[in-house]
Amino acid sequence: MNRADRILVVDDDPELRKLLSDYLTDVGFEVDLAGDGEQMRRVIARGMPDAIVMDLMLPGTDGLALTRELRATSTVPILMLSARGEEIDRVVGLEVGADDYLAKPFSPRELLARLRALLRRAQAPAAQPSAGIVFGPYRLDPTARRLVKDGAEVELSSAEFDLLKVFAERPGRVLSRDVLLDLLRGYEREPFDRTVDIRVGRLRRKIEPDHANPVFIRTVRGEGYLFNPRGDQA
């Protein structure tokens, strides 16, 4: 029998915690609950969950700071919640490393759909390494969902990997933000306009020799982005 995926819900609203615990348990997940950052850390000390549902507004350390803390050591999928639902919250949440964002109030069914999408991307079946896509010192293996540099794996979130795969499969083509959004819709639900710029920035910090002067993911002013596998300015 396969192990049930374990979800950690971090929210200071006890009624919402209970609602999500009951709902997610009923559909087959194991659920841990935390009302603040300290409780979250105690749960994680017993083992990292398969995904985290993180409220933005928490007592003490808020969800943004906790997400940033988690991203220093883990690529666990994070679905961020906020009662405000403003674009700036989504932008900041994604910038610090959240994989998806859901505004309150929401239906449990929508949260479940988004969680399952995150888990599918993060838990793609293991595969034998393939020749992959080589660029600069990197090898991208789309089947095993791995990025390797000099024999060591580069840690990417599922969302970052998906965007890099879209670029790497279309070298030398200028891709507008609209085109990239359309391509990303094959992986996730309703990405919004700032998603592309946010994730490009995060990718550049991880793969570019100097993220302020990128050579792999270049900006084409007024048009979009171009992936240059040679890693030069030509």
C-alpha atoms as a PDB file:
ATOM      1  CA  MET A   1       0.000   0.000   0.000  1.00  0.00           C
ATOM      2  CA  ASN A   2       1.394   3.388  -0.985  1.00  0.00           C
ATOM      3  CA  ARG A   3       2.127   5.918   1.729  1.00  0.00           C
ATOM      4  CA  ALA A   4      -0.370   8.768   1.872  1.00  0.00           C
ATOM      5  CA  ASP A   5       0.999  12.203   1.036  1.00  0.00           C
ATOM      6  CA  ARG A   6       1.499  14.304   4.149  1.00  0.00           C
ATOM      7  CA  ILE A   7       0.264  17.892   4.147  1.00  0.00           C
ATOM      8  CA  LEU A   8       1.177  20.514   6.748  1.00  0.00           C
ATOM      9  CA  VAL A   9      -1.417  23.277   7.191  1.00  0.00           C
ATOM     10  CA  VAL A  10      -0.001  26.422   8.836  1.00  0.00           C
ATOM     11  CA  ASP A  11      -2.809  28.841   9.747  1.00  0.00           C
ATOM     12  CA  ASP A  12      -3.759  30.672  12.926  1.00  0.00           C
ATOM     13  CA  ASP A  13      -7.509  30.176  12.386  1.00  0.00           C
ATOM     14  CA  PRO A  14      -8.496  27.008  14.327  1.00  0.00           C
ATOM     15  CA  GLU A  15     -11.775  26.657  12.419  1.00  0.00           C
ATOM     16  CA  LEU A  16     -10.017  26.744   9.067  1.00  0.00           C
ATOM     17  CA  ARG A  17      -7.366  24.300  10.303  1.00  0.00           C
ATOM     18  CA  LYS A  18     -10.080  21.860  11.348  1.00  0.00           C
ATOM     19  CA  LEU A  19     -12.013  22.289   8.103  1.00  0.00           C
ATOM     20  CA  LEU A  20      -8.921  21.611   5.991  1.00  0.00           C
ATOM     21  CA  SER A  21      -7.787  18.767   8.231  1.00  0.00           C
ATOM     22  CA  ASP A  22     -11.150  17.022   7.960  1.00  0.00           C
ATOM     23  CA  TYR A  23     -11.437  17.600   4.212  1.00  0.00           C
ATOM     24  CA  LEU A  24      -7.891  16.561   3.295  1.00  0.00           C
ATOM     25  CA  THR A  25      -8.026  13.536   5.592  1.00  0.00           C
ATOM     26  CA  ASP A  26     -11.295  12.435   3.992  1.00  0.00           C
ATOM     27  CA  VAL A  27      -9.676  12.437   0.535  1.00  0.00           C
ATOM     28  CA  GLY A  28      -6.709  10.365   1.681  1.00  0.00           C
ATOM     29  CA  PHE A  29      -3.994  12.725   2.919  1.00  0.00           C
ATOM     30  CA  GLU A  30      -2.202  12.656   6.233  1.00  0.00           C
ATOM     31  CA  VAL A  31      -2.504  16.107   7.789  1.00  0.00           C
ATOM     32  CA  ASP A  32      -0.394  17.953  10.362  1.00  0.00           C
ATOM     33  CA  LEU A  33      -1.486  21.297  11.779  1.00  0.00           C
ATOM     34  CA  ALA A  34       0.376  24.358  13.057  1.00  0.00           C
ATOM     35  CA  GLY A  35      -0.911  27.716  14.241  1.00  0.00           C
ATOM     36  CA  ASP A  36       2.359  29.641  13.956  1.00  0.00           C
ATOM     37  CA  GLY A  37       5.995  29.382  12.947  1.00  0.00           C
ATOM     38  CA  GLU A  38       7.183  27.703  16.133  1.00  0.00           C
ATOM     39  CA  GLN A  39       4.600  24.951  15.809  1.00  0.00           C
ATOM     40  CA  MET A  40       5.524  24.573  12.130  1.00  0.00           C
ATOM     41  CA  ARG A  41       9.193  24.091  13.001  1.00  0.00           C
ATOM     42  CA  ARG A  42       8.335  21.443  15.598  1.00  0.00           C
ATOM     43  CA  VAL A  43       6.269  19.504  13.055  1.00  0.00           C
ATOM     44  CA  ILE A  44       9.005  19.727  10.411  1.00  0.00           C
ATOM     45  CA  ALA A  45      11.616  18.562  12.918  1.00  0.00           C
ATOM     46  CA  ARG A  46       9.807  15.210  12.868  1.00  0.00           C
ATOM     47  CA  GLY A  47      10.064  15.057   9.077  1.00  0.00           C
ATOM     48  CA  MET A  48       9.466  17.288   6.080  1.00  0.00           C
ATOM     49  CA  PRO A  49       5.895  17.021   4.715  1.00  0.00           C
ATOM     50  CA  ASP A  50       5.128  16.444   1.042  1.00  0.00           C
ATOM     51  CA  ALA A  51       3.523  19.898   0.744  1.00  0.00           C
ATOM     52  CA  ILE A  52       2.731  22.907   2.936  1.00  0.00           C
ATOM     53  CA  VAL A  53      -0.341  25.129   2.960  1.00  0.00           C
ATOM     54  CA  MET A  54       0.951  28.405   4.409  1.00  0.00           C
ATOM     55  CA  ASP A  55      -1.141  31.372   5.554  1.00  0.00           C
ATOM     56  CA  LEU A  56       0.408  34.739   4.766  1.00  0.00           C
ATOM     57  CA  MET A  57      -0.739  36.461   7.953  1.00  0.00           C
ATOM     58  CA  LEU A  58       0.483  34.590  11.031  1.00  0.00           C
ATOM     59  CA  PRO A  59       1.248  35.702  14.599  1.00  0.00           C
ATOM     60  CA  GLY A  60       4.938  36.224  15.189  1.00  0.00           C
ATOM     61  CA  THR A  61       6.871  35.254  12.076  1.00  0.00           C
ATOM     62  CA  ASP A  62       4.630  35.746   9.044  1.00  0.00           C
ATOM     63  CA  GLY A  63       4.165  33.372   6.120  1.00  0.00           C
ATOM     64  CA  LEU A  64       6.562  35.254   3.846  1.00  0.00           C
ATOM     65  CA  ALA A  65       9.428  34.975   6.324  1.00  0.00           C
ATOM     66  CA  LEU A  66       8.641  31.312   7.001  1.00  0.00           C
ATOM     67  CA  THR A  67       8.585  30.562   3.271  1.00  0.00           C
ATOM     68  CA  ARG A  68      11.941  32.291   2.842  1.00  0.00           C
ATOM     69  CA  GLU A  69      13.278  30.255   5.771  1.00  0.00           C
ATOM     70  CA  LEU A  70      12.060  26.993   4.232  1.00  0.00           C
ATOM     71  CA  ARG A  71      13.490  27.829   0.824  1.00  0.00           C
ATOM     72  CA  ALA A  72      16.969  28.120   2.321  1.00  0.00           C
ATOM     73  CA  THR A  73      17.031  24.334   2.782  1.00  0.00           C
ATOM     74  CA  SER A  74      14.058  22.762   0.975  1.00  0.00           C
ATOM     75  CA  THR A  75      12.084  22.718  -2.279  1.00  0.00           C
ATOM     76  CA  VAL A  76       8.926  21.389  -0.593  1.00  0.00           C
ATOM     77  CA  PRO A  77       5.854  22.636  -2.535  1.00  0.00           C
ATOM     78  CA  ILE A  78       4.243  25.619  -0.772  1.00  0.00           C
ATOM     79  CA  LEU A  79       0.707  26.847  -1.427  1.00  0.00           C
ATOM     80  CA  MET A  80       0.294  30.284   0.121  1.00  0.00           C
ATOM     81  CA  LEU A  81      -3.041  31.594   1.452  1.00  0.00           C
ATOM     82  CA  SER A  82      -4.047  35.203   2.048  1.00  0.00           C
ATOM     83  CA  ALA A  83      -7.273  36.921   3.048  1.00  0.00           C
ATOM     84  CA  ARG A  84      -6.322  40.012   1.046  1.00  0.00           C
ATOM     85  CA  GLY A  85      -5.866  38.508  -2.389  1.00  0.00           C
ATOM     86  CA  GLU A  86      -4.089  41.546  -3.814  1.00  0.00           C
ATOM     87  CA  GLU A  87      -1.607  41.125  -6.656  1.00  0.00           C
ATOM     88  CA  ILE A  88       1.245  42.551  -4.568  1.00  0.00           C
ATOM     89  CA  ASP A  89       0.746  39.728  -2.055  1.00  0.00           C
ATOM     90  CA  ARG A  90       0.917  37.147  -4.837  1.00  0.00           C
ATOM     91  CA  VAL A  91       4.009  38.775  -6.298  1.00  0.00           C
ATOM     92  CA  VAL A  92       5.865  38.897  -2.996  1.00  0.00           C
ATOM     93  CA  GLY A  93       4.774  35.368  -2.087  1.00  0.00           C
ATOM     94  CA  LEU A  94       6.118  33.965  -5.346  1.00  0.00           C
ATOM     95  CA  GLU A  95       9.288  36.026  -5.089  1.00  0.00           C
ATOM     96  CA  VAL A  96      10.198  34.471  -1.744  1.00  0.00           C
ATOM     97  CA  GLY A  97       9.563  30.968  -3.058  1.00  0.00           C
ATOM     98  CA  ALA A  98       5.887  29.964  -2.839  1.00  0.00           C
ATOM     99  CA  ASP A  99       4.806  27.682  -5.696  1.00  0.00           C
ATOM    100  CA  ASP A 100       1.187  28.796  -5.887  1.00  0.00           C
ATOM    101  CA  TYR A 101      -1.182  31.287  -4.268  1.00  0.00           C
ATOM    102  CA  LEU A 102      -4.838  31.086  -3.244  1.00  0.00           C
ATOM    103  CA  ALA A 103      -6.920  33.996  -1.973  1.00  0.00           C
ATOM    104  CA  LYS A 104      -9.400  33.573   0.873  1.00  0.00           C
ATOM    105  CA  PRO A 105     -12.222  32.752   0.852  1.00  0.00           C
ATOM    106  CA  PHE A 106     -11.709  29.665  -1.297  1.00  0.00           C
ATOM    107  CA  SER A 107     -13.442  26.353  -1.805  1.00  0.00           C
ATOM    108  CA  PRO A 108     -11.725  23.267  -0.361  1.00  0.00           C
ATOM    109  CA  ARG A 109     -12.103  21.645  -3.778  1.00  0.00           C
ATOM    110  CA  GLU A 110     -10.016  24.368  -5.415  1.00  0.00           C
ATOM    111  CA  LEU A 111      -7.349  24.057  -2.726  1.00  0.00           C
ATOM    112  CA  LEU A 112      -7.327  20.290  -3.277  1.00  0.00           C
ATOM    113  CA  ALA A 113      -6.928  20.716  -7.048  1.00  0.00           C
ATOM    114  CA  ARG A 114      -4.012  23.084  -6.601  1.00  0.00           C
ATOM    115  CA  LEU A 115      -2.350  20.842  -4.014  1.00  0.00           C
ATOM    116  CA  ARG A 116      -2.620  17.832  -6.282  1.00  0.00           C
ATOM    117  CA  ALA A 117      -1.116  19.810  -9.181  1.00  0.00           C
ATOM    118  CA  LEU A 118       1.838  20.840  -7.000  1.00  0.00           C
ATOM    119  CA  LEU A 119       2.349  17.274  -5.796  1.00  0.00           C
ATOM    120  CA  ARG A 120       2.222  15.883  -9.345  1.00  0.00           C
ATOM    121  CA  ARG A 121       4.953  18.258 -10.452  1.00  0.00           C
ATOM    122  CA  ALA A 122       7.094  17.647  -7.374  1.00  0.00           C
ATOM    123  CA  GLN A 123       6.697  13.874  -7.377  1.00  0.00           C
ATOM    124  CA  ALA A 124       7.120  13.030 -11.041  1.00  0.00           C
ATOM    125  CA  PRO A 125       8.072   9.332 -11.369  1.00  0.00           C
ATOM    126  CA  ALA A 126      11.766   8.632 -11.008  1.00  0.00           C
ATOM    127  CA  ALA A 127      13.431   7.840 -14.308  1.00  0.00           C
ATOM    128  CA  GLN A 128      16.811   6.815 -15.593  1.00  0.00           C
ATOM    129  CA  PRO A 129      18.917   9.841 -16.456  1.00  0.00           C
ATOM    130  CA  SER A 130      18.621  10.731 -20.138  1.00  0.00           C
ATOM    131  CA  ALA A 131      20.907  12.676 -22.415  1.00  0.00           C
ATOM    132  CA  GLY A 132      18.781  15.669 -21.539  1.00  0.00           C
ATOM    133  CA  ILE A 133      19.348  19.216 -22.689  1.00  0.00           C
ATOM    134  CA  VAL A 134      22.851  20.598 -22.275  1.00  0.00           C
ATOM    135  CA  PHE A 135      23.509  24.311 -21.899  1.00  0.00           C
ATOM    136  CA  GLY A 136      26.675  25.881 -20.548  1.00  0.00           C
ATOM    137  CA  PRO A 137      27.870  23.715 -17.618  1.00  0.00           C
ATOM    138  CA  TYR A 138      24.345  22.358 -17.039  1.00  0.00           C
ATOM    139  CA  ARG A 139      22.399  19.273 -18.065  1.00  0.00           C
ATOM    140  CA  LEU A 140      18.616  19.482 -17.805  1.00  0.00           C
ATOM    141  CA  ASP A 141      16.866  16.102 -17.626  1.00  0.00           C
ATOM    142  CA  PRO A 142      13.135  16.708 -18.296  1.00  0.00           C
ATOM    143  CA  THR A 143      12.211  13.072 -17.630  1.00  0.00           C
ATOM    144  CA  ALA A 144      13.824  12.842 -14.204  1.00  0.00           C
ATOM    145  CA  ARG A 145      13.130  16.561 -13.554  1.00  0.00           C
ATOM    146  CA  ARG A 146      16.715  17.278 -12.558  1.00  0.00           C
ATOM    147  CA  LEU A 147      19.175  20.068 -13.316  1.00  0.00           C
ATOM    148  CA  VAL A 148      22.794  19.046 -12.842  1.00  0.00           C
ATOM    149  CA  LYS A 149      25.954  21.155 -12.859  1.00  0.00           C
ATOM    150  CA  ASP A 150      29.390  19.468 -12.622  1.00  0.00           C
ATOM    151  CA  GLY A 151      27.788  16.318 -11.238  1.00  0.00           C
ATOM    152  CA  ALA A 152      25.844  18.116  -8.497  1.00  0.00           C
ATOM    153  CA  GLU A 153      22.098  18.693  -8.602  1.00  0.00           C
ATOM    154  CA  VAL A 154      20.877  22.283  -8.643  1.00  0.00           C
ATOM    155  CA  GLU A 155      17.843  22.649  -6.392  1.00  0.00           C
ATOM    156  CA  LEU A 156      14.876  24.104  -8.282  1.00  0.00           C
ATOM    157  CA  SER A 157      11.287  24.371  -7.183  1.00  0.00           C
ATOM    158  CA  SER A 158       8.745  22.643  -9.415  1.00  0.00           C
ATOM    159  CA  ALA A 159       7.620  26.004 -10.807  1.00  0.00           C
ATOM    160  CA  GLU A 160      11.209  27.053 -11.567  1.00  0.00           C
ATOM    161  CA  PHE A 161      11.910  23.732 -13.283  1.00  0.00           C
ATOM    162  CA  ASP A 162       8.793  24.046 -15.440  1.00  0.00           C
ATOM    163  CA  LEU A 163       9.791  27.502 -16.649  1.00  0.00           C
ATOM    164  CA  LEU A 164      13.381  26.436 -17.354  1.00  0.00           C
ATOM    165  CA  LYS A 165      12.087  23.444 -19.342  1.00  0.00           C
ATOM    166  CA  VAL A 166       9.889  25.749 -21.450  1.00  0.00           C
ATOM    167  CA  PHE A 167      12.929  27.915 -22.223  1.00  0.00           C
ATOM    168  CA  ALA A 168      15.387  25.070 -22.828  1.00  0.00           C
ATOM    169  CA  GLU A 169      13.063  23.351 -25.312  1.00  0.00           C
ATOM    170  CA  ARG A 170      12.888  26.567 -27.388  1.00  0.00           C
ATOM    171  CA  PRO A 171      16.479  27.865 -27.674  1.00  0.00           C
ATOM    172  CA  GLY A 172      17.103  30.995 -29.676  1.00  0.00           C
ATOM    173  CA  ARG A 173      13.415  31.972 -29.824  1.00  0.00           C
ATOM    174  CA  VAL A 174      12.123  35.218 -28.397  1.00  0.00           C
ATOM    175  CA  LEU A 175       9.193  34.298 -26.145  1.00  0.00           C
ATOM    176  CA  SER A 176       6.840  37.050 -25.077  1.00  0.00           C
ATOM    177  CA  ARG A 177       5.280  37.029 -21.628  1.00  0.00           C
ATOM    178  CA  ASP A 178       1.914  36.119 -23.171  1.00  0.00           C
ATOM    179  CA  VAL A 179       3.427  33.132 -24.973  1.00  0.00           C
ATOM    180  CA  LEU A 180       5.202  32.006 -21.812  1.00  0.00           C
ATOM    181  CA  LEU A 181       1.969  32.308 -19.827  1.00  0.00           C
ATOM    182  CA  ASP A 182       0.192  30.164 -22.418  1.00  0.00           C
ATOM    183  CA  LEU A 183       2.966  27.551 -22.271  1.00  0.00           C
ATOM    184  CA  LEU A 184       2.953  27.516 -18.469  1.00  0.00           C
ATOM    185  CA  ARG A 185      -0.779  26.842 -18.452  1.00  0.00           C
ATOM    186  CA  GLY A 186       0.150  23.339 -19.507  1.00  0.00           C
ATOM    187  CA  TYR A 187       1.636  22.879 -16.048  1.00  0.00           C
ATOM    188  CA  GLU A 188      -0.480  24.925 -13.654  1.00  0.00           C
ATOM    189  CA  ARG A 189      -3.753  26.724 -13.069  1.00  0.00           C
ATOM    190  CA  GLU A 190      -4.126  30.312 -14.203  1.00  0.00           C
ATOM    191  CA  PRO A 191      -0.634  31.825 -13.889  1.00  0.00           C
ATOM    192  CA  PHE A 192      -0.903  35.612 -13.733  1.00  0.00           C
ATOM    193  CA  ASP A 193       0.997  38.282 -15.602  1.00  0.00           C
ATOM    194  CA  ARG A 194       3.800  38.908 -13.103  1.00  0.00           C
ATOM    195  CA  THR A 195       4.523  35.160 -12.731  1.00  0.00           C
ATOM    196  CA  VAL A 196       6.972  35.127 -15.616  1.00  0.00           C
ATOM    197  CA  ASP A 197       9.136  38.033 -14.435  1.00  0.00           C
ATOM    198  CA  ILE A 198       9.221  36.694 -10.881  1.00  0.00           C
ATOM    199  CA  ARG A 199      10.288  33.217 -11.906  1.00  0.00           C
ATOM    200  CA  VAL A 200      12.815  34.450 -14.439  1.00  0.00           C
ATOM    201  CA  GLY A 201      14.409  36.454 -11.627  1.00  0.00           C
ATOM    202  CA  ARG A 202      14.518  33.414  -9.361  1.00  0.00           C
ATOM    203  CA  LEU A 203      15.957  31.215 -12.122  1.00  0.00           C
ATOM    204  CA  ARG A 204      18.639  33.741 -12.962  1.00  0.00           C
ATOM    205  CA  ARG A 205      19.796  33.796  -9.345  1.00  0.00           C
ATOM    206  CA  LYS A 206      20.295  30.033  -9.529  1.00  0.00           C
ATOM    207  CA  ILE A 207      21.787  29.448 -12.987  1.00  0.00           C
ATOM    208  CA  GLU A 208      23.443  32.643 -14.163  1.00  0.00           C
ATOM    209  CA  PRO A 209      27.134  33.320 -13.368  1.00  0.00           C
ATOM    210  CA  ASP A 210      26.018  36.901 -12.638  1.00  0.00           C
ATOM    211  CA  HIS A 211      22.247  37.196 -12.336  1.00  0.00           C
ATOM    212  CA  ALA A 212      22.458  40.973 -12.845  1.00  0.00           C
ATOM    213  CA  ASN A 213      24.049  40.366 -16.272  1.00  0.00           C
ATOM    214  CA  PRO A 214      22.341  37.207 -17.529  1.00  0.00           C
ATOM    215  CA  VAL A 215      23.745  35.222 -20.443  1.00  0.00           C
ATOM    216  CA  PHE A 216      21.400  32.202 -20.547  1.00  0.00           C
ATOM    217  CA  ILE A 217      17.987  33.867 -20.116  1.00  0.00           C
ATOM    218  CA  ARG A 218      18.314  37.195 -21.890  1.00  0.00           C
ATOM    219  CA  THR A 219      15.818  40.034 -21.901  1.00  0.00           C
ATOM    220  CA  VAL A 220      14.859  41.276 -25.355  1.00  0.00           C
ATOM    221  CA  ARG A 221      13.607  44.765 -24.646  1.00  0.00           C
ATOM    222  CA  GLY A 222       9.984  45.286 -25.583  1.00  0.00           C
ATOM    223  CA  GLU A 223       9.567  41.682 -26.764  1.00  0.00           C
ATOM    224  CA  GLY A 224      10.198  39.173 -23.966  1.00  0.00           C
ATOM    225  CA  TYR A 225      12.925  36.653 -23.165  1.00  0.00           C
ATOM    226  CA  LEU A 226      15.328  34.531 -25.208  1.00  0.00           C
ATOM    227  CA  PHE A 227      17.101  31.388 -24.008  1.00  0.00           C
ATOM    228  CA  ASN A 228      20.729  31.239 -25.197  1.00  0.00           C
ATOM    229  CA  PRO A 229      22.215  27.779 -24.445  1.00  0.00           C
ATOM    230  CA  ARG A 230      25.744  28.916 -25.336  1.00  0.00           C
ATOM    231  CA  GLY A 231      25.762  31.307 -22.415  1.00  0.00           C
ATOM    232  CA  ASP A 232      27.307  34.207 -24.300  1.00  0.00           C
ATOM    233  CA  GLN A 233      26.157  37.641 -25.401  1.00  0.00           C
ATOM    234  CA  ALA A 234      25.960  36.779 -29.099  1.00  0.00           C
END
